[in-house]
C-alpha atoms as a PDB file:
ATOM      1  CA  MET A   1     158.193 115.056  95.632  1.00  0.00           C
ATOM      2  CA  SER A   2     154.556 115.342  94.608  1.00  0.00           C
ATOM      3  CA  ALA A   3     151.934 113.322  96.394  1.00  0.00           C
ATOM      4  CA  PRO A   4     150.775 110.168  94.591  1.00  0.00           C
ATOM      5  CA  SER A   5     147.389 110.263  92.828  1.00  0.00           C
ATOM      6  CA  VAL A   6     144.532 108.322  94.317  1.00  0.00           C
ATOM      7  CA  LEU A   7     143.123 107.692  90.823  1.00  0.00           C
ATOM      8  CA  TYR A   8     146.145 106.101  89.090  1.00  0.00           C
ATOM      9  CA  ASP A   9     149.729 105.180  89.701  1.00  0.00           C
ATOM     10  CA  VAL A  10     152.267 107.902  88.925  1.00  0.00           C
ATOM     11  CA  PRO A  11     154.108 106.834  85.733  1.00  0.00           C
ATOM     12  CA  GLY A  12     157.749 106.143  86.048  1.00  0.00           C
ATOM     13  CA  PRO A  13     160.520 107.024  83.619  1.00  0.00           C
ATOM     14  CA  LYS A  14     159.798 104.119  81.258  1.00  0.00           C
ATOM     15  CA  ALA A  15     156.073 104.824  81.249  1.00  0.00           C
ATOM     16  CA  ARG A  16     156.603 108.520  80.557  1.00  0.00           C
ATOM     17  CA  ALA A  17     158.930 107.653  77.648  1.00  0.00           C
ATOM     18  CA  ARG A  18     156.373 105.178  76.290  1.00  0.00           C
ATOM     19  CA  ASN A  19     153.614 107.761  76.602  1.00  0.00           C
ATOM     20  CA  ALA A  20     155.720 110.273  74.761  1.00  0.00           C
ATOM     21  CA  VAL A  21     156.302 107.801  71.940  1.00  0.00           C
ATOM     22  CA  TYR A  22     152.620 107.036  71.709  1.00  0.00           C
ATOM     23  CA  THR A  23     151.818 110.711  71.586  1.00  0.00           C
ATOM     24  CA  VAL A  24     154.294 111.287  68.745  1.00  0.00           C
ATOM     25  CA  LEU A  25     152.977 108.284  66.832  1.00  0.00           C
ATOM     26  CA  PHE A  26     149.394 109.516  67.271  1.00  0.00           C
ATOM     27  CA  LEU A  27     150.256 113.014  66.046  1.00  0.00           C
ATOM     28  CA  LEU A  28     152.088 111.574  63.019  1.00  0.00           C
ATOM     29  CA  ALA A  29     149.092 109.366  62.188  1.00  0.00           C
ATOM     30  CA  LEU A  30     146.757 112.297  62.601  1.00  0.00           C
ATOM     31  CA  ALA A  31     148.917 114.422  60.337  1.00  0.00           C
ATOM     32  CA  GLY A  32     148.982 111.654  57.754  1.00  0.00           C
ATOM     33  CA  VAL A  33     145.181 111.333  57.747  1.00  0.00           C
ATOM     34  CA  GLY A  34     144.873 115.115  57.433  1.00  0.00           C
ATOM     35  CA  TRP A  35     147.320 115.168  54.537  1.00  0.00           C
ATOM     36  CA  TRP A  36     145.447 112.338  52.797  1.00  0.00           C
ATOM     37  CA  ILE A  37     142.106 114.137  53.167  1.00  0.00           C
ATOM     38  CA  ILE A  38     143.587 117.395  51.763  1.00  0.00           C
ATOM     39  CA  ALA A  39     145.273 115.555  48.889  1.00  0.00           C
ATOM     40  CA  THR A  40     142.100 113.693  47.987  1.00  0.00           C
ATOM     41  CA  LEU A  41     140.020 116.884  48.058  1.00  0.00           C
ATOM     42  CA  ALA A  42     142.635 118.626  45.903  1.00  0.00           C
ATOM     43  CA  GLU A  43     142.664 115.784  43.454  1.00  0.00           C
ATOM     44  CA  LYS A  44     138.856 116.065  43.116  1.00  0.00           C
ATOM     45  CA  ASP A  45     139.089 119.865  42.647  1.00  0.00           C
ATOM     46  CA  GLN A  46     137.281 120.505  45.875  1.00  0.00           C
ATOM     47  CA  LEU A  47     139.804 123.090  47.135  1.00  0.00           C
ATOM     48  CA  THR A  48     139.698 125.478  44.177  1.00  0.00           C
ATOM     49  CA  TRP A  49     138.707 129.073  44.633  1.00  0.00           C
ATOM     50  CA  GLN A  50     135.733 128.478  42.402  1.00  0.00           C
ATOM     51  CA  LYS A  51     134.297 126.197  45.066  1.00  0.00           C
ATOM     52  CA  TRP A  52     135.034 128.376  48.079  1.00  0.00           C
ATOM     53  CA  GLY A  53     135.075 131.864  46.591  1.00  0.00           C
ATOM     54  CA  PRO A  54     131.337 132.493  46.665  1.00  0.00           C
ATOM     55  CA  PHE A  55     131.304 132.362  50.474  1.00  0.00           C
ATOM     56  CA  PHE A  56     133.838 135.252  50.584  1.00  0.00           C
ATOM     57  CA  THR A  57     132.842 137.271  47.511  1.00  0.00           C
ATOM     58  CA  GLU A  58     129.112 136.666  46.995  1.00  0.00           C
ATOM     59  CA  GLY A  59     127.011 138.351  49.674  1.00  0.00           C
ATOM     60  CA  GLN A  60     123.900 136.833  48.091  1.00  0.00           C
ATOM     61  CA  VAL A  61     124.934 133.357  49.388  1.00  0.00           C
ATOM     62  CA  TRP A  62     124.561 134.625  52.911  1.00  0.00           C
ATOM     63  CA  THR A  63     121.521 136.827  52.539  1.00  0.00           C
ATOM     64  CA  THR A  64     119.534 134.420  50.399  1.00  0.00           C
ATOM     65  CA  PHE A  65     120.429 131.051  51.896  1.00  0.00           C
ATOM     66  CA  ILE A  66     122.623 130.967  55.021  1.00  0.00           C
ATOM     67  CA  PHE A  67     121.138 133.806  57.122  1.00  0.00           C
ATOM     68  CA  PRO A  68     117.486 132.797  56.528  1.00  0.00           C
ATOM     69  CA  GLY A  69     118.340 129.180  57.322  1.00  0.00           C
ATOM     70  CA  LEU A  70     120.256 130.190  60.431  1.00  0.00           C
ATOM     71  CA  LEU A  71     117.306 132.333  61.555  1.00  0.00           C
ATOM     72  CA  ASN A  72     114.915 129.409  61.201  1.00  0.00           C
ATOM     73  CA  THR A  73     117.334 127.156  63.078  1.00  0.00           C
ATOM     74  CA  LEU A  74     117.603 129.607  65.954  1.00  0.00           C
ATOM     75  CA  THR A  75     113.848 130.172  65.937  1.00  0.00           C
ATOM     76  CA  ALA A  76     113.045 126.444  66.227  1.00  0.00           C
ATOM     77  CA  ALA A  77     115.764 125.841  68.854  1.00  0.00           C
ATOM     78  CA  GLY A  78     114.765 128.937  70.842  1.00  0.00           C
ATOM     79  CA  LEU A  79     111.073 128.008  70.963  1.00  0.00           C
ATOM     80  CA  ALA A  80     111.867 124.437  71.877  1.00  0.00           C
ATOM     81  CA  ILE A  81     114.230 125.462  74.692  1.00  0.00           C
ATOM     82  CA  VAL A  82     111.828 128.041  76.116  1.00  0.00           C
ATOM     83  CA  ILE A  83     109.001 125.465  76.302  1.00  0.00           C
ATOM     84  CA  ALA A  84     111.071 122.337  77.134  1.00  0.00           C
ATOM     85  CA  LEU A  85     112.863 123.860  80.150  1.00  0.00           C
ATOM     86  CA  PRO A  86     109.812 124.673  82.294  1.00  0.00           C
ATOM     87  CA  LEU A  87     107.963 121.579  81.027  1.00  0.00           C
ATOM     88  CA  GLY A  88     110.928 119.313  81.933  1.00  0.00           C
ATOM     89  CA  SER A  89     111.298 120.981  85.348  1.00  0.00           C
ATOM     90  CA  LEU A  90     107.602 120.424  86.041  1.00  0.00           C
ATOM     91  CA  PHE A  91     107.694 116.745  85.129  1.00  0.00           C
ATOM     92  CA  GLY A  92     110.932 116.283  87.044  1.00  0.00           C
ATOM     93  CA  ILE A  93     109.335 117.646  90.201  1.00  0.00           C
ATOM     94  CA  MET A  94     106.196 115.617  89.549  1.00  0.00           C
ATOM     95  CA  ARG A  95     108.291 112.456  89.509  1.00  0.00           C
ATOM     96  CA  LEU A  96     109.375 113.268  93.071  1.00  0.00           C
ATOM     97  CA  SER A  97     105.866 113.718  94.311  1.00  0.00           C
ATOM     98  CA  ASP A  98     104.633 111.817  97.367  1.00  0.00           C
ATOM     99  CA  HIS A  99     101.343 111.218  95.597  1.00  0.00           C
ATOM    100  CA  LEU A 100     101.245 108.036  93.517  1.00  0.00           C
ATOM    101  CA  TRP A 101      98.619 109.403  91.140  1.00  0.00           C
ATOM    102  CA  ILE A 102     101.008 112.228  90.228  1.00  0.00           C
ATOM    103  CA  ARG A 103     104.323 110.369  90.287  1.00  0.00           C
ATOM    104  CA  VAL A 104     103.340 107.316  88.154  1.00  0.00           C
ATOM    105  CA  PRO A 105     101.692 109.177  85.214  1.00  0.00           C
ATOM    106  CA  ALA A 106     104.591 111.622  85.086  1.00  0.00           C
ATOM    107  CA  GLY A 107     107.036 108.729  85.015  1.00  0.00           C
ATOM    108  CA  VAL A 108     105.124 106.993  82.209  1.00  0.00           C
ATOM    109  CA  VAL A 109     105.104 110.177  80.098  1.00  0.00           C
ATOM    110  CA  VAL A 110     108.779 110.870  80.654  1.00  0.00           C
ATOM    111  CA  GLU A 111     109.903 107.283  79.925  1.00  0.00           C
ATOM    112  CA  PHE A 112     107.754 107.100  76.821  1.00  0.00           C
ATOM    113  CA  PHE A 113     109.025 110.236  75.145  1.00  0.00           C
ATOM    114  CA  ARG A 114     112.610 109.504  76.164  1.00  0.00           C
ATOM    115  CA  ALA A 115     112.377 106.144  74.374  1.00  0.00           C
ATOM    116  CA  VAL A 116     110.896 107.410  71.071  1.00  0.00           C
ATOM    117  CA  PRO A 117     113.478 108.749  68.546  1.00  0.00           C
ATOM    118  CA  VAL A 118     113.102 112.447  67.925  1.00  0.00           C
ATOM    119  CA  LEU A 119     112.916 111.912  64.139  1.00  0.00           C
ATOM    120  CA  ILE A 120     109.843 109.704  64.589  1.00  0.00           C
ATOM    121  CA  LEU A 121     108.260 112.348  66.785  1.00  0.00           C
ATOM    122  CA  MET A 122     108.877 114.948  64.077  1.00  0.00           C
ATOM    123  CA  VAL A 123     107.286 112.842  61.336  1.00  0.00           C
ATOM    124  CA  PHE A 124     104.335 111.993  63.589  1.00  0.00           C
ATOM    125  CA  ALA A 125     103.790 115.603  64.600  1.00  0.00           C
ATOM    126  CA  ASP A 126     103.951 116.751  60.960  1.00  0.00           C
ATOM    127  CA  GLN A 127     101.331 114.152  59.917  1.00  0.00           C
ATOM    128  CA  PHE A 128      99.152 115.000  62.913  1.00  0.00           C
ATOM    129  CA  TYR A 129      99.172 118.702  62.114  1.00  0.00           C
ATOM    130  CA  ALA A 130      98.461 117.978  58.408  1.00  0.00           C
ATOM    131  CA  GLU A 131      95.450 115.738  59.041  1.00  0.00           C
ATOM    132  CA  TYR A 132      93.846 117.209  62.216  1.00  0.00           C
ATOM    133  CA  THR A 133      94.662 120.918  62.217  1.00  0.00           C
ATOM    134  CA  ASP A 134      94.387 123.925  59.952  1.00  0.00           C
ATOM    135  CA  ILE A 135      97.989 125.041  60.395  1.00  0.00           C
ATOM    136  CA  ASP A 136      99.319 126.532  57.193  1.00  0.00           C
ATOM    137  CA  SER A 137     101.724 124.280  55.286  1.00  0.00           C
ATOM    138  CA  ASP A 138     104.409 126.997  55.400  1.00  0.00           C
ATOM    139  CA  TYR A 139     104.479 126.869  59.229  1.00  0.00           C
ATOM    140  CA  ARG A 140     103.715 123.177  59.716  1.00  0.00           C
ATOM    141  CA  PRO A 141     107.383 121.968  59.475  1.00  0.00           C
ATOM    142  CA  LEU A 142     108.393 124.501  62.082  1.00  0.00           C
ATOM    143  CA  MET A 143     105.566 123.453  64.437  1.00  0.00           C
ATOM    144  CA  ALA A 144     106.411 119.765  63.942  1.00  0.00           C
ATOM    145  CA  VAL A 145     110.109 120.309  64.642  1.00  0.00           C
ATOM    146  CA  VAL A 146     109.362 122.382  67.788  1.00  0.00           C
ATOM    147  CA  THR A 147     106.779 119.881  69.047  1.00  0.00           C
ATOM    148  CA  ALA A 148     109.119 116.907  68.670  1.00  0.00           C
ATOM    149  CA  LEU A 149     112.069 118.736  70.251  1.00  0.00           C
ATOM    150  CA  VAL A 150     109.900 119.814  73.192  1.00  0.00           C
ATOM    151  CA  LEU A 151     108.477 116.333  73.823  1.00  0.00           C
ATOM    152  CA  TYR A 152     111.827 114.555  73.657  1.00  0.00           C
ATOM    153  CA  ASN A 153     114.131 117.064  75.320  1.00  0.00           C
ATOM    154  CA  GLY A 154     111.495 117.962  77.908  1.00  0.00           C
ATOM    155  CA  ALA A 155     111.498 114.287  78.919  1.00  0.00           C
ATOM    156  CA  VAL A 156     115.313 114.233  79.113  1.00  0.00           C
ATOM    157  CA  LEU A 157     115.400 117.450  81.088  1.00  0.00           C
ATOM    158  CA  ALA A 158     112.825 116.052  83.507  1.00  0.00           C
ATOM    159  CA  GLU A 159     115.293 113.264  84.364  1.00  0.00           C
ATOM    160  CA  VAL A 160     118.095 115.831  84.708  1.00  0.00           C
ATOM    161  CA  VAL A 161     116.008 117.863  87.145  1.00  0.00           C
ATOM    162  CA  ARG A 162     114.976 114.748  89.133  1.00  0.00           C
ATOM    163  CA  ALA A 163     118.572 113.530  89.386  1.00  0.00           C
ATOM    164  CA  GLY A 164     119.851 116.968  90.298  1.00  0.00           C
ATOM    165  CA  ILE A 165     117.396 117.374  93.156  1.00  0.00           C
ATOM    166  CA  GLN A 166     117.995 113.853  94.452  1.00  0.00           C
ATOM    167  CA  SER A 167     121.720 114.459  94.482  1.00  0.00           C
ATOM    168  CA  LEU A 168     121.391 117.098  97.224  1.00  0.00           C
ATOM    169  CA  PRO A 169     122.008 115.986 100.794  1.00  0.00           C
ATOM    170  CA  ALA A 170     118.905 114.773 102.579  1.00  0.00           C
ATOM    171  CA  GLY A 171     119.652 117.259 105.382  1.00  0.00           C
ATOM    172  CA  GLN A 172     118.599 120.161 103.171  1.00  0.00           C
ATOM    173  CA  ALA A 173     114.977 118.988 103.027  1.00  0.00           C
ATOM    174  CA  GLU A 174     115.000 117.867 106.629  1.00  0.00           C
ATOM    175  CA  ALA A 175     116.260 121.278 107.807  1.00  0.00           C
ATOM    176  CA  ALA A 176     113.574 123.060 105.818  1.00  0.00           C
ATOM    177  CA  LYS A 177     110.937 120.759 107.264  1.00  0.00           C
ATOM    178  CA  ALA A 178     112.231 121.396 110.765  1.00  0.00           C
ATOM    179  CA  ILE A 179     111.598 125.116 110.469  1.00  0.00           C
ATOM    180  CA  GLY A 180     108.049 124.583 109.243  1.00  0.00           C
ATOM    181  CA  MET A 181     108.406 124.935 105.485  1.00  0.00           C
ATOM    182  CA  ARG A 182     105.882 123.067 103.311  1.00  0.00           C
ATOM    183  CA  LYS A 183     107.186 120.711 100.626  1.00  0.00           C
ATOM    184  CA  THR A 184     106.339 123.229  97.867  1.00  0.00           C
ATOM    185  CA  GLN A 185     108.327 125.936  99.686  1.00  0.00           C
ATOM    186  CA  THR A 186     111.192 123.543 100.273  1.00  0.00           C
ATOM    187  CA  MET A 187     111.313 122.637  96.635  1.00  0.00           C
ATOM    188  CA  THR A 188     111.123 126.190  95.242  1.00  0.00           C
ATOM    189  CA  ASN A 189     113.189 128.012  97.899  1.00  0.00           C
ATOM    190  CA  VAL A 190     115.751 125.418  99.044  1.00  0.00           C
ATOM    191  CA  LEU A 191     116.221 122.481  96.705  1.00  0.00           C
ATOM    192  CA  LEU A 192     115.793 123.873  93.182  1.00  0.00           C
ATOM    193  CA  PRO A 193     118.102 126.898  93.652  1.00  0.00           C
ATOM    194  CA  GLN A 194     120.905 124.609  94.934  1.00  0.00           C
ATOM    195  CA  ALA A 195     120.308 121.963  92.280  1.00  0.00           C
ATOM    196  CA  VAL A 196     120.456 124.396  89.379  1.00  0.00           C
ATOM    197  CA  THR A 197     124.243 124.783  89.618  1.00  0.00           C
ATOM    198  CA  ALA A 198     124.750 121.040  89.692  1.00  0.00           C
ATOM    199  CA  MET A 199     122.332 120.520  86.782  1.00  0.00           C
ATOM    200  CA  LEU A 200     123.727 123.290  84.568  1.00  0.00           C
ATOM    201  CA  PRO A 201     126.335 121.211  82.628  1.00  0.00           C
ATOM    202  CA  ALA A 202     123.775 118.539  81.823  1.00  0.00           C
ATOM    203  CA  ILE A 203     121.180 121.131  80.855  1.00  0.00           C
ATOM    204  CA  VAL A 204     123.673 122.899  78.577  1.00  0.00           C
ATOM    205  CA  SER A 205     124.530 119.602  76.928  1.00  0.00           C
ATOM    206  CA  GLN A 206     120.842 119.012  76.221  1.00  0.00           C
ATOM    207  CA  LEU A 207     120.424 122.522  74.814  1.00  0.00           C
ATOM    208  CA  VAL A 208     123.260 121.786  72.353  1.00  0.00           C
ATOM    209  CA  VAL A 209     121.357 118.638  71.385  1.00  0.00           C
ATOM    210  CA  VAL A 210     118.260 120.732  70.728  1.00  0.00           C
ATOM    211  CA  LEU A 211     120.185 123.054  68.435  1.00  0.00           C
ATOM    212  CA  LYS A 212     121.747 120.268  66.421  1.00  0.00           C
ATOM    213  CA  ASP A 213     118.518 118.177  66.193  1.00  0.00           C
ATOM    214  CA  THR A 214     116.798 120.962  64.281  1.00  0.00           C
ATOM    215  CA  ALA A 215     118.758 119.632  61.270  1.00  0.00           C
ATOM    216  CA  LEU A 216     116.573 116.499  61.354  1.00  0.00           C
ATOM    217  CA  GLY A 217     113.641 118.690  60.421  1.00  0.00           C
ATOM    218  CA  GLY A 218     115.495 119.980  57.421  1.00  0.00           C
ATOM    219  CA  ALA A 219     116.427 116.500  56.299  1.00  0.00           C
ATOM    220  CA  ALA A 220     113.047 114.786  56.851  1.00  0.00           C
ATOM    221  CA  LEU A 221     110.346 117.449  56.713  1.00  0.00           C
ATOM    222  CA  GLY A 222     111.733 120.068  54.360  1.00  0.00           C
ATOM    223  CA  PHE A 223     112.057 122.584  57.181  1.00  0.00           C
ATOM    224  CA  ALA A 224     114.053 125.493  55.825  1.00  0.00           C
ATOM    225  CA  ASP A 225     116.764 125.465  58.448  1.00  0.00           C
ATOM    226  CA  LEU A 226     120.509 125.946  58.043  1.00  0.00           C
ATOM    227  CA  PHE A 227     121.129 122.316  57.094  1.00  0.00           C
ATOM    228  CA  SER A 228     118.519 122.376  54.329  1.00  0.00           C
ATOM    229  CA  GLN A 229     120.382 125.231  52.594  1.00  0.00           C
ATOM    230  CA  ILE A 230     123.294 122.974  51.615  1.00  0.00           C
ATOM    231  CA  ARG A 231     121.603 121.628  48.463  1.00  0.00           C
ATOM    232  CA  PRO A 232     120.339 124.925  46.999  1.00  0.00           C
ATOM    233  CA  ILE A 233     123.721 126.587  47.611  1.00  0.00           C
ATOM    234  CA  ALA A 234     125.489 123.647  45.968  1.00  0.00           C
ATOM    235  CA  ASN A 235     123.107 123.752  42.969  1.00  0.00           C
ATOM    236  CA  ASN A 236     123.526 127.477  42.437  1.00  0.00           C
ATOM    237  CA  TYR A 237     127.290 127.790  42.968  1.00  0.00           C
ATOM    238  CA  PHE A 238     129.173 125.211  40.948  1.00  0.00           C
ATOM    239  CA  ALA A 239     128.108 122.147  42.997  1.00  0.00           C
ATOM    240  CA  ASN A 240     130.398 123.034  45.955  1.00  0.00           C
ATOM    241  CA  THR A 241     128.846 120.478  48.313  1.00  0.00           C
ATOM    242  CA  ILE A 242     131.957 119.908  50.400  1.00  0.00           C
ATOM    243  CA  ALA A 243     132.633 123.567  50.836  1.00  0.00           C
ATOM    244  CA  THR A 244     128.992 124.287  51.734  1.00  0.00           C
ATOM    245  CA  MET A 245     128.888 121.429  54.278  1.00  0.00           C
ATOM    246  CA  THR A 246     132.139 122.719  55.840  1.00  0.00           C
ATOM    247  CA  ILE A 247     130.836 126.255  56.237  1.00  0.00           C
ATOM    248  CA  VAL A 248     127.565 125.029  57.726  1.00  0.00           C
ATOM    249  CA  ALA A 249     129.464 122.756  60.129  1.00  0.00           C
ATOM    250  CA  VAL A 250     131.662 125.639  61.206  1.00  0.00           C
ATOM    251  CA  ILE A 251     128.528 127.713  61.938  1.00  0.00           C
ATOM    252  CA  TYR A 252     127.048 124.905  64.039  1.00  0.00           C
ATOM    253  CA  ILE A 253     130.330 124.577  65.947  1.00  0.00           C
ATOM    254  CA  LEU A 254     130.447 128.321  66.662  1.00  0.00           C
ATOM    255  CA  LEU A 255     126.864 128.359  67.838  1.00  0.00           C
ATOM    256  CA  ASN A 256     127.427 125.429  70.180  1.00  0.00           C
ATOM    257  CA  ASN A 257     130.609 126.958  71.540  1.00  0.00           C
ATOM    258  CA  LEU A 258     128.858 130.265  72.174  1.00  0.00           C
ATOM    259  CA  LEU A 259     126.089 128.442  74.008  1.00  0.00           C
ATOM    260  CA  THR A 260     128.597 126.515  76.094  1.00  0.00           C
ATOM    261  CA  ALA A 261     130.574 129.672  76.877  1.00  0.00           C
ATOM    262  CA  ALA A 262     127.407 131.532  77.885  1.00  0.00           C
ATOM    263  CA  ALA A 263     126.446 128.669  80.196  1.00  0.00           C
ATOM    264  CA  GLY A 264     129.940 128.640  81.703  1.00  0.00           C
ATOM    265  CA  TRP A 265     129.702 132.358  82.386  1.00  0.00           C
ATOM    266  CA  LEU A 266     126.277 131.898  83.902  1.00  0.00           C
ATOM    267  CA  GLU A 267     127.507 129.089  86.200  1.00  0.00           C
ATOM    268  CA  LYS A 268     130.477 131.175  87.319  1.00  0.00           C
ATOM    269  CA  TRP A 269     128.258 134.141  87.975  1.00  0.00           C
ATOM    270  CA  SER A 270     125.875 132.047  89.939  1.00  0.00           C
ATOM    271  CA  ARG A 271     128.611 130.610  92.119  1.00  0.00           C
ATOM    272  CA  GLN A 272     130.057 134.068  92.740  1.00  0.00           C
ATOM    273  CA  ARG A 273     126.601 135.426  93.607  1.00  0.00           C
ATOM    274  CA  LYS A 274     126.048 132.675  96.129  1.00  0.00           C
ATOM    275  CA  THR A 275     129.489 133.298  97.655  1.00  0.00           C
ATOM    276  CA  SER A 276     129.012 137.041  97.937  1.00  0.00           C
ATOM    277  CA  SER A 277     125.421 137.042  99.091  1.00  0.00           C
ATOM    278  CA  GLY A 278     126.029 135.854 102.596  1.00  0.00           C
ATOM    279  CA  ALA A 279     125.501 138.297 105.467  1.00  0.00           C
ATOM    280  CA  VAL A 280     128.534 139.578 107.303  1.00  0.00           C
ATOM    281  CA  VAL A 281     128.148 139.329 111.069  1.00  0.00           C
ATOM    282  CA  LYS A 282     130.195 141.877 113.048  1.00  0.00           C
ATOM    283  CA  PRO A 283     131.685 140.790 116.361  1.00  0.00           C
ATOM    284  CA  VAL A 284     130.003 142.106 119.499  1.00  0.00           C
ATOM    285  CA  ASP A 285     131.456 143.055 122.879  1.00  0.00           C
ATOM    286  CA  ASN A 286     130.288 141.835 126.282  1.00  0.00           C
ATOM    287  CA  ASN A 287     127.516 144.478 126.369  1.00  0.00           C
ATOM    288  CA  GLY A 288     125.917 143.190 123.175  1.00  0.00           C
ATOM    289  CA  ARG A 289     127.124 146.133 121.082  1.00  0.00           C
ATOM    290  CA  ASN A 290     128.899 145.878 117.744  1.00  0.00           C
ATOM    291  CA  ALA A 291     132.656 145.970 118.276  1.00  0.00           C
END
């Protein structure tokens, strides 16, 4: 007999039967909704080969629209991630400072940019660059998108870093202090390396948000990202809006899954590295020699 769970009561025969019925009903309802969607799309001629064929037979759809848009999406997300990660780490550490003049301003900056919607930050950055800088109009949407993503996600990552460090046992910092390490050495050599593994799932979730939020730039600023290619593709290939949106959505899903899988591999590698990096101490005999 299996041990009872501490989180919930083990279901009995009647509960298991009821759960099975609920599962069957849910699957039937899901199948019904799926059938209704497919039937509606077929009725509106959205499933014809004329709508979907260009994505499989016309290479120009990919080389002219999708690949350039995907490249711009990855460029904006990559720049934002590269800048936001160290910036968020810095502000997260600053929020843990013992000095009030460092901790309070850092907290104000983080809370401010966490509270402002990223779309407003994009529009504000675009207007700022247009009025007060000489940035070329071709690059201004990219700069505005990257700036907004860095400010918002850097603030969120700062909280992730702060929470990750504070989640460590207090004995870690106390032990480092006992052997004479300064606070900077404790943070860089003891706390941060241990907190990275705990923070990794939250960091990956935020990186996925960065990738998806680039679409806001395409919708609001005319940034030529993957999302913004939906309309020109639909206009040039028989108004296949549903098909185009589906293909774009699948690409976003694949990118996010690849990012999540890479982070999972990195976390696993990090854990294995920590496990295998310990020194092996050989037993010694009574004369102090290795056995």
